[in-house]
Amino acid sequence: MPLLRASGLVAGLGSSLVLTFGAPAGADPKPSAKDVAKARQQVQERVRELGRAEADLAAAQARRESLGTEAERLVEAYNGQLVQLEQARAAYEQSARRARQAAGQVDRLRGEVAARVAEGYSGLRLSPSTAAMLGGLSDMHGFLRRASVLTQLGDEQTAALQRLKDAQQVFEILREQAARAYSDQSRSADEVRGARDAAQRAVEEQLEQTKRIEQEKADISKRLEAARDRVDELRQARHKARQAALPARGGLAAPAWTGRLGSGPGETAAQWALKQIGKPYVWAAAGPSGFDCSGLTMRAWQRAGVSLDHWTGTQWTSGRHVPLKELRTGDLIFYGQLSRNPGSIHHVGIYIGRGMMVHAPQTGDVVRISPIWRHDLVGATRPG
């Protein structure tokens, strides 16, 4: 007996050696559970990295929006300053024209007074001092003081001299006010323009930062997809290796009659689901290389233009409940138990007709066709 056990042991070891080392050179080894776990860990790390990038991007976008709002306010403030500056310029030009008109009036009145004074002294021989006094008309203030001694001037000349004085004062006031208003408005516009330029530079810098974060997020997303694809590849390879060791099972070929399904939304969903036959059941997966039950139904109806959650709990309420005797192709068939807890419904498949459905059954299995009749069948819905 010991000899026989030893012989069996040696035979068993020999079989193991053949299975382990007997594969052709260059053949891909079957991935281990450790390989899959390591790949999953990489996915989780990429997910966390992507989450941090998304948070940074959200903060950068909020900052850019805030800066953009402030810059827009300052731009509009500058636009308002330009409008006011143009108004000040127009007022300045108008005041300048009025000032020139006042200057012309001064010149005319000066000529009028000088003519009248000369006329009043015509025929008289003026002394050098009197002539000098009359000749100093270009000095208005001095002239007015000296004119007070010319008692020969009548009321009309006195009124003309007063108009001359008023016109000159108007000229000086208008010129000073217009120049000051235009200078103040120009200075204000310069200050607002400086604030606007600074705000615009801040927006441009923030925009560049946002672009960098967006690019970083895109790179992380690519690495995440690559990591997920790697997990799918390893899972599929392990599943194929397991399936190769199992006897063939039914439900992995679509019946010929399914090729005559119609073209409505339900038929579109069912036809797409049938094309996924043979792909492995993967917990919480929604394709492309593996599915769980609600992931398969979600993607199938997505092809028909209807959005469903990736959860049997809400898929049960996403559509009209239909009696089992009125089932149509594409209707969703649910299993579990009815209660207030949506989680008590734990499985779903897609009806394809003749009492059959296509579904992703459970871990270790693949998408396949099965009868709908089970002890935990609770009902059906028609999405739409």
Protein backbone atom coordinates (compact mmCIF):
# COMPACT_ATOMS: atom_id res chain seq x y z
CA MET A 1 0.00 0.00 0.00
CA PRO A 2 2.73 2.56 0.77
CA LEU A 3 4.34 1.70 -2.52
CA LEU A 4 1.09 2.21 -4.38
CA ARG A 5 0.47 5.58 -2.68
CA ALA A 6 3.97 6.64 -3.59
CA SER A 7 3.42 5.59 -7.17
CA GLY A 8 0.18 7.54 -7.31
CA LEU A 9 1.88 10.54 -5.82
CA VAL A 10 4.64 10.39 -8.40
CA ALA A 11 2.04 10.02 -11.14
CA GLY A 12 0.16 13.02 -9.83
CA LEU A 13 3.33 15.07 -9.71
CA GLY A 14 4.09 14.04 -13.23
CA SER A 15 0.70 15.22 -14.40
CA SER A 16 1.24 18.53 -12.66
CA LEU A 17 4.61 18.93 -14.30
CA VAL A 18 3.12 18.26 -17.68
CA LEU A 19 0.34 20.80 -17.13
CA THR A 20 2.72 23.43 -15.80
CA PHE A 21 5.76 23.05 -18.00
CA GLY A 22 4.46 21.13 -20.93
CA ALA A 23 3.08 24.21 -22.77
CA PRO A 24 4.84 25.17 -26.00
CA ALA A 25 7.67 27.71 -25.73
CA GLY A 26 6.43 31.26 -26.10
CA ALA A 27 2.83 30.51 -25.05
CA ASP A 28 1.22 33.06 -22.75
CA PRO A 29 0.94 31.71 -19.19
CA LYS A 30 -2.45 31.75 -17.56
CA PRO A 31 -2.70 34.93 -15.43
CA SER A 32 -2.97 34.28 -11.74
CA ALA A 33 -5.40 35.77 -9.26
CA LYS A 34 -2.45 37.78 -7.94
CA ASP A 35 -1.92 39.27 -11.40
CA VAL A 36 -5.56 40.31 -11.58
CA ALA A 37 -5.43 41.77 -8.06
CA LYS A 38 -2.32 43.76 -8.95
CA ALA A 39 -4.01 45.08 -12.09
CA ARG A 40 -7.05 46.06 -10.04
CA GLN A 41 -4.80 47.91 -7.62
CA GLN A 42 -3.37 49.90 -10.50
CA VAL A 43 -6.91 50.77 -11.57
CA GLN A 44 -7.74 51.99 -8.06
CA GLU A 45 -4.58 54.09 -7.97
CA ARG A 46 -5.46 55.65 -11.33
CA VAL A 47 -9.01 56.31 -10.10
CA ARG A 48 -7.68 58.13 -7.03
CA GLU A 49 -5.21 60.06 -9.17
CA LEU A 50 -8.00 61.00 -11.56
CA GLY A 51 -10.15 62.11 -8.61
CA ARG A 52 -7.43 64.44 -7.41
CA ALA A 53 -6.99 65.84 -10.92
CA GLU A 54 -10.75 66.39 -11.24
CA ALA A 55 -10.80 68.23 -7.90
CA ASP A 56 -7.88 70.42 -9.00
CA LEU A 57 -9.59 71.05 -12.32
CA ALA A 58 -12.86 72.02 -10.63
CA ALA A 59 -11.01 74.48 -8.39
CA ALA A 60 -9.10 75.91 -11.36
CA GLN A 61 -12.27 76.28 -13.39
CA ALA A 62 -14.02 78.01 -10.48
CA ARG A 63 -11.05 80.35 -10.11
CA ARG A 64 -11.04 81.06 -13.83
CA GLU A 65 -14.76 81.78 -13.76
CA SER A 66 -14.32 84.17 -10.84
CA LEU A 67 -11.42 85.95 -12.52
CA GLY A 68 -13.33 86.05 -15.79
CA THR A 69 -16.31 87.66 -14.10
CA GLU A 70 -14.10 90.30 -12.48
CA ALA A 71 -12.26 90.92 -15.75
CA GLU A 72 -15.56 91.30 -17.57
CA ARG A 73 -16.69 93.82 -14.98
CA LEU A 74 -13.47 95.81 -15.39
CA VAL A 75 -13.65 95.66 -19.17
CA GLU A 76 -17.13 97.10 -19.04
CA ALA A 77 -15.97 99.72 -16.53
CA TYR A 78 -13.21 100.68 -18.95
CA ASN A 79 -15.72 100.82 -21.79
CA GLY A 80 -17.77 103.19 -19.66
CA GLN A 81 -14.69 105.32 -19.00
CA LEU A 82 -14.04 105.52 -22.73
CA VAL A 83 -17.58 106.73 -23.29
CA GLN A 84 -17.18 109.36 -20.58
CA LEU A 85 -13.76 110.33 -21.92
CA GLU A 86 -15.27 110.84 -25.35
CA GLN A 87 -17.96 112.99 -23.75
CA ALA A 88 -15.29 114.99 -21.91
CA ARG A 89 -13.34 115.39 -25.13
CA ALA A 90 -16.45 116.62 -26.94
CA ALA A 91 -17.16 119.02 -24.04
CA TYR A 92 -13.55 120.21 -24.16
CA GLU A 93 -13.73 120.87 -27.88
CA GLN A 94 -17.04 122.66 -27.45
CA SER A 95 -15.56 124.77 -24.63
CA ALA A 96 -12.53 125.51 -26.79
CA ARG A 97 -14.80 126.70 -29.60
CA ARG A 98 -16.74 128.86 -27.18
CA ALA A 99 -13.48 130.16 -25.77
CA ARG A 100 -12.29 131.07 -29.26
CA GLN A 101 -15.61 132.79 -29.84
CA ALA A 102 -15.17 134.69 -26.57
CA ALA A 103 -11.66 135.67 -27.61
CA GLY A 104 -13.02 136.96 -30.91
CA GLN A 105 -15.61 138.93 -29.01
CA VAL A 106 -12.89 140.43 -26.83
CA ASP A 107 -10.99 141.48 -29.91
CA ARG A 108 -14.09 143.02 -31.47
CA LEU A 109 -14.99 144.94 -28.31
CA ARG A 110 -11.41 146.10 -27.88
CA GLY A 111 -11.51 147.50 -31.46
CA GLU A 112 -14.89 149.10 -30.84
CA VAL A 113 -13.76 150.88 -27.67
CA ALA A 114 -10.51 151.96 -29.23
CA ALA A 115 -12.38 153.36 -32.22
CA ARG A 116 -14.80 155.27 -30.02
CA VAL A 117 -12.04 156.63 -27.83
CA ALA A 118 -10.13 157.74 -30.90
CA GLU A 119 -13.29 159.27 -32.30
CA GLY A 120 -13.92 161.11 -29.00
CA TYR A 121 -10.42 162.58 -29.10
CA SER A 122 -10.38 163.35 -32.81
CA GLY A 123 -9.11 166.83 -33.50
CA LEU A 124 -7.36 167.02 -30.15
CA ARG A 125 -3.69 167.06 -29.65
CA LEU A 126 -2.91 164.37 -27.12
CA SER A 127 -0.01 164.58 -24.79
CA PRO A 128 2.53 161.69 -24.86
CA SER A 129 1.19 160.38 -21.53
CA THR A 130 -2.42 160.32 -22.82
CA ALA A 131 -1.38 158.64 -26.03
CA ALA A 132 0.51 156.04 -24.04
CA MET A 133 -2.54 155.46 -21.88
CA LEU A 134 -4.73 154.93 -24.97
CA GLY A 135 -2.09 152.85 -26.67
CA GLY A 136 -1.99 150.31 -23.82
CA LEU A 137 -5.25 148.68 -24.81
CA SER A 138 -3.64 145.27 -25.05
CA ASP A 139 -3.38 145.28 -21.25
CA MET A 140 -7.06 144.93 -20.46
CA HIS A 141 -6.87 145.34 -16.69
CA GLY A 142 -4.61 148.35 -17.02
CA PHE A 143 -6.79 149.75 -19.72
CA LEU A 144 -9.91 149.47 -17.61
CA ARG A 145 -8.22 151.25 -14.75
CA ARG A 146 -7.06 154.03 -17.03
CA ALA A 147 -10.44 154.16 -18.75
CA SER A 148 -12.05 155.25 -15.51
CA VAL A 149 -10.36 158.66 -15.92
CA LEU A 150 -11.81 159.13 -19.38
CA THR A 151 -14.93 160.84 -18.18
CA GLN A 152 -15.63 161.85 -21.74
CA LEU A 153 -16.84 158.29 -22.46
CA GLY A 154 -20.59 157.97 -22.30
CA ASP A 155 -22.82 155.21 -20.93
CA GLU A 156 -22.65 153.22 -24.15
CA GLN A 157 -18.89 152.97 -24.01
CA THR A 158 -19.02 152.01 -20.33
CA ALA A 159 -21.44 149.17 -21.10
CA ALA A 160 -19.20 147.98 -23.93
CA LEU A 161 -16.23 147.88 -21.59
CA GLN A 162 -18.22 145.83 -19.06
CA ARG A 163 -19.17 143.33 -21.77
CA LEU A 164 -15.51 143.15 -22.67
CA LYS A 165 -14.60 142.33 -19.08
CA ASP A 166 -17.38 139.68 -18.78
CA ALA A 167 -16.43 138.03 -22.07
CA GLN A 168 -12.80 137.76 -21.00
CA GLN A 169 -13.79 136.20 -17.66
CA VAL A 170 -16.05 133.66 -19.45
CA PHE A 171 -13.15 132.82 -21.73
CA GLU A 172 -10.83 132.11 -18.83
CA ILE A 173 -13.40 130.10 -16.83
CA LEU A 174 -14.43 127.89 -19.77
CA ARG A 175 -10.87 127.16 -20.74
CA GLU A 176 -9.89 126.19 -17.19
CA GLN A 177 -12.95 124.00 -16.58
CA ALA A 178 -12.69 122.14 -19.88
CA ALA A 179 -8.98 121.45 -19.44
CA ARG A 180 -9.46 120.19 -15.87
CA ALA A 181 -12.41 117.93 -16.77
CA TYR A 182 -10.57 116.36 -19.70
CA SER A 183 -7.43 115.82 -17.62
CA ASP A 184 -9.37 114.18 -14.78
CA GLN A 185 -11.27 111.91 -17.14
CA SER A 186 -8.09 110.86 -18.94
CA ARG A 187 -6.42 109.98 -15.64
CA SER A 188 -9.45 107.95 -14.52
CA ALA A 189 -9.52 106.07 -17.82
CA ASP A 190 -5.82 105.25 -17.47
CA GLU A 191 -6.36 103.83 -13.98
CA VAL A 192 -9.28 101.67 -15.05
CA ARG A 193 -7.37 100.47 -18.11
CA GLY A 194 -4.51 99.40 -15.85
CA ALA A 195 -6.90 97.40 -13.66
CA ARG A 196 -8.49 95.85 -16.74
CA ASP A 197 -5.14 94.81 -18.18
CA ALA A 198 -4.08 93.25 -14.86
CA ALA A 199 -7.36 91.30 -14.66
CA GLN A 200 -7.02 90.07 -18.21
CA ARG A 201 -3.47 88.87 -17.54
CA ALA A 202 -4.72 86.99 -14.47
CA VAL A 203 -7.45 85.33 -16.56
CA GLU A 204 -4.93 84.29 -19.22
CA GLU A 205 -2.59 82.81 -16.60
CA GLN A 206 -5.47 80.91 -14.98
CA LEU A 207 -6.61 79.69 -18.38
CA GLU A 208 -3.14 78.28 -19.04
CA GLN A 209 -3.16 76.55 -15.65
CA THR A 210 -6.60 75.09 -16.39
CA LYS A 211 -5.39 73.80 -19.75
CA ARG A 212 -2.44 72.11 -18.09
CA ILE A 213 -4.72 70.40 -15.55
CA GLU A 214 -7.13 69.35 -18.31
CA GLN A 215 -4.25 67.78 -20.21
CA GLU A 216 -3.07 66.06 -17.05
CA LYS A 217 -6.58 64.72 -16.46
CA ALA A 218 -6.76 63.46 -20.05
CA ASP A 219 -3.43 61.66 -19.62
CA ILE A 220 -4.61 60.07 -16.36
CA SER A 221 -7.87 59.01 -18.02
CA LYS A 222 -5.91 57.28 -20.78
CA ARG A 223 -3.79 55.45 -18.24
CA LEU A 224 -6.93 54.50 -16.31
CA GLU A 225 -8.55 53.07 -19.43
CA ALA A 226 -5.38 51.15 -20.19
CA ALA A 227 -5.37 49.76 -16.66
CA ARG A 228 -9.02 48.75 -16.94
CA ASP A 229 -8.40 47.12 -20.29
CA ARG A 230 -5.54 45.18 -18.70
CA VAL A 231 -7.85 43.94 -15.95
CA ASP A 232 -10.41 42.88 -18.56
CA GLU A 233 -7.74 41.07 -20.55
CA LEU A 234 -6.51 39.19 -17.49
CA ARG A 235 -10.04 38.30 -16.40
CA GLN A 236 -10.93 37.11 -19.87
CA ALA A 237 -7.75 35.06 -20.13
CA ARG A 238 -8.45 33.43 -16.75
CA HIS A 239 -12.04 32.80 -17.73
CA LYS A 240 -11.06 31.20 -21.02
CA ALA A 241 -8.58 29.01 -19.18
CA ARG A 242 -11.30 27.92 -16.73
CA GLN A 243 -13.83 27.40 -19.52
CA ALA A 244 -11.36 25.25 -21.42
CA ALA A 245 -11.26 22.88 -18.45
CA LEU A 246 -15.08 22.65 -18.21
CA PRO A 247 -17.41 20.58 -20.35
CA ALA A 248 -19.32 22.51 -23.01
CA ARG A 249 -22.56 24.01 -21.83
CA GLY A 250 -25.65 25.09 -23.70
CA GLY A 251 -27.02 28.58 -24.27
CA LEU A 252 -23.90 29.91 -26.03
CA ALA A 253 -25.38 30.08 -29.51
CA ALA A 254 -28.28 32.27 -30.54
CA PRO A 255 -31.15 30.22 -32.06
CA ALA A 256 -31.77 30.73 -35.75
CA TRP A 257 -35.15 32.32 -35.09
CA THR A 258 -33.51 35.25 -33.25
CA GLY A 259 -32.15 36.40 -36.61
CA ARG A 260 -35.72 37.32 -37.61
CA LEU A 261 -36.32 39.81 -34.80
CA GLY A 262 -37.88 43.13 -35.76
CA SER A 263 -36.35 46.60 -35.73
CA GLY A 264 -38.12 48.28 -32.80
CA PRO A 265 -36.33 49.52 -29.66
CA GLY A 266 -36.83 46.24 -27.81
CA GLU A 267 -35.59 44.19 -30.77
CA THR A 268 -32.55 46.51 -31.12
CA ALA A 269 -31.69 45.98 -27.44
CA ALA A 270 -32.15 42.21 -27.69
CA GLN A 271 -30.08 41.89 -30.88
CA TRP A 272 -27.20 43.80 -29.30
CA ALA A 273 -27.34 41.67 -26.15
CA LEU A 274 -27.26 38.47 -28.23
CA LYS A 275 -24.00 39.64 -29.81
CA GLN A 276 -22.41 39.62 -26.34
CA ILE A 277 -22.97 35.88 -25.83
CA GLY A 278 -19.86 34.17 -24.52
CA LYS A 279 -18.39 37.22 -22.80
CA PRO A 280 -17.59 36.60 -19.13
CA TYR A 281 -19.63 37.69 -16.18
CA VAL A 282 -17.64 40.41 -14.42
CA TRP A 283 -18.95 41.93 -11.24
CA ALA A 284 -19.92 45.64 -11.64
CA ALA A 285 -18.82 45.62 -15.31
CA ALA A 286 -20.68 47.16 -18.24
CA GLY A 287 -18.48 46.07 -21.15
CA PRO A 288 -16.95 45.94 -23.51
CA SER A 289 -15.27 42.64 -22.63
CA GLY A 290 -17.40 41.58 -19.66
CA PHE A 291 -20.74 42.32 -17.98
CA ASP A 292 -22.79 41.80 -14.89
CA CYS A 293 -26.55 41.39 -15.28
CA SER A 294 -27.64 45.04 -15.02
CA GLY A 295 -24.56 46.22 -16.93
CA LEU A 296 -25.64 44.08 -19.90
CA THR A 297 -29.24 45.35 -19.85
CA MET A 298 -28.11 48.96 -19.41
CA ARG A 299 -25.81 48.81 -22.44
CA ALA A 300 -28.37 46.93 -24.54
CA TRP A 301 -31.11 49.50 -24.00
CA GLN A 302 -28.59 52.31 -24.41
CA ARG A 303 -28.18 51.02 -27.98
CA ALA A 304 -31.93 51.50 -28.38
CA GLY A 305 -31.69 55.11 -27.17
CA VAL A 306 -33.00 54.55 -23.63
CA SER A 307 -30.90 55.44 -20.58
CA LEU A 308 -31.01 53.11 -17.56
CA ASP A 309 -29.06 53.06 -14.32
CA HIS A 310 -26.52 50.32 -13.72
CA TRP A 311 -28.70 48.79 -10.99
CA THR A 312 -31.56 46.33 -10.95
CA GLY A 313 -33.23 48.39 -8.21
CA THR A 314 -33.97 51.34 -10.51
CA GLN A 315 -34.25 49.34 -13.73
CA TRP A 316 -37.28 47.62 -12.11
CA THR A 317 -39.02 51.01 -11.89
CA SER A 318 -37.73 52.42 -15.22
CA GLY A 319 -40.66 51.53 -17.39
CA ARG A 320 -44.17 50.08 -17.42
CA HIS A 321 -44.66 46.73 -15.68
CA VAL A 322 -46.13 44.21 -18.09
CA PRO A 323 -47.84 40.86 -17.43
CA LEU A 324 -45.74 37.83 -18.32
CA LYS A 325 -48.35 36.70 -20.86
CA GLU A 326 -47.83 40.00 -22.75
CA LEU A 327 -44.03 39.87 -22.92
CA ARG A 328 -42.33 41.37 -25.98
CA THR A 329 -38.78 41.13 -27.25
CA GLY A 330 -36.51 43.44 -25.24
CA ASP A 331 -38.62 43.47 -22.06
CA LEU A 332 -36.59 43.18 -18.87
CA ILE A 333 -37.19 40.08 -16.72
CA PHE A 334 -36.46 40.45 -12.98
CA TYR A 335 -35.67 37.95 -10.22
CA GLY A 336 -35.56 38.18 -6.44
CA GLN A 337 -38.43 39.22 -4.21
CA LEU A 338 -40.74 42.21 -4.09
CA SER A 339 -40.34 44.45 -1.05
CA ARG A 340 -39.80 48.08 -0.13
CA ASN A 341 -36.06 47.49 -0.46
CA PRO A 342 -35.08 47.81 -4.17
CA GLY A 343 -31.97 45.74 -3.44
CA SER A 344 -34.12 42.64 -2.93
CA ILE A 345 -34.34 42.37 -6.75
CA HIS A 346 -30.98 40.89 -7.59
CA HIS A 347 -31.03 39.71 -11.20
CA VAL A 348 -32.28 40.87 -14.61
CA GLY A 349 -32.27 39.51 -18.17
CA ILE A 350 -33.55 40.58 -21.62
CA TYR A 351 -36.48 38.68 -23.10
CA ILE A 352 -35.85 37.43 -26.66
CA GLY A 353 -39.07 35.45 -27.19
CA ARG A 354 -40.35 31.87 -26.85
CA GLY A 355 -39.86 31.92 -23.07
CA MET A 356 -36.14 32.62 -23.37
CA MET A 357 -33.86 35.45 -22.27
CA VAL A 358 -30.24 36.51 -22.73
CA HIS A 359 -28.46 37.42 -19.48
CA ALA A 360 -25.16 37.51 -17.60
CA PRO A 361 -25.85 34.86 -14.91
CA GLN A 362 -23.14 34.88 -12.23
CA THR A 363 -19.44 34.86 -11.42
CA GLY A 364 -17.62 32.16 -13.36
CA ASP A 365 -20.24 32.08 -16.10
CA VAL A 366 -20.71 33.93 -19.39
CA VAL A 367 -23.46 35.83 -21.17
CA ARG A 368 -25.84 33.15 -22.42
CA ILE A 369 -29.43 32.26 -23.34
CA SER A 370 -31.60 30.63 -20.65
CA PRO A 371 -35.30 29.98 -19.96
CA ILE A 372 -37.00 32.78 -18.04
CA TRP A 373 -38.88 30.40 -15.74
CA ARG A 374 -37.25 30.30 -12.30
CA HIS A 375 -38.69 30.08 -8.82
CA ASP A 376 -37.58 33.69 -8.01
CA LEU A 377 -39.15 35.35 -11.10
CA VAL A 378 -40.94 38.51 -9.89
CA GLY A 379 -42.04 40.27 -13.10
CA ALA A 380 -41.09 42.32 -16.15
CA THR A 381 -40.86 45.94 -17.28
CA ARG A 382 -40.79 47.59 -20.70
CA PRO A 383 -38.31 50.50 -20.82
CA GLY A 384 -39.15 53.51 -22.89
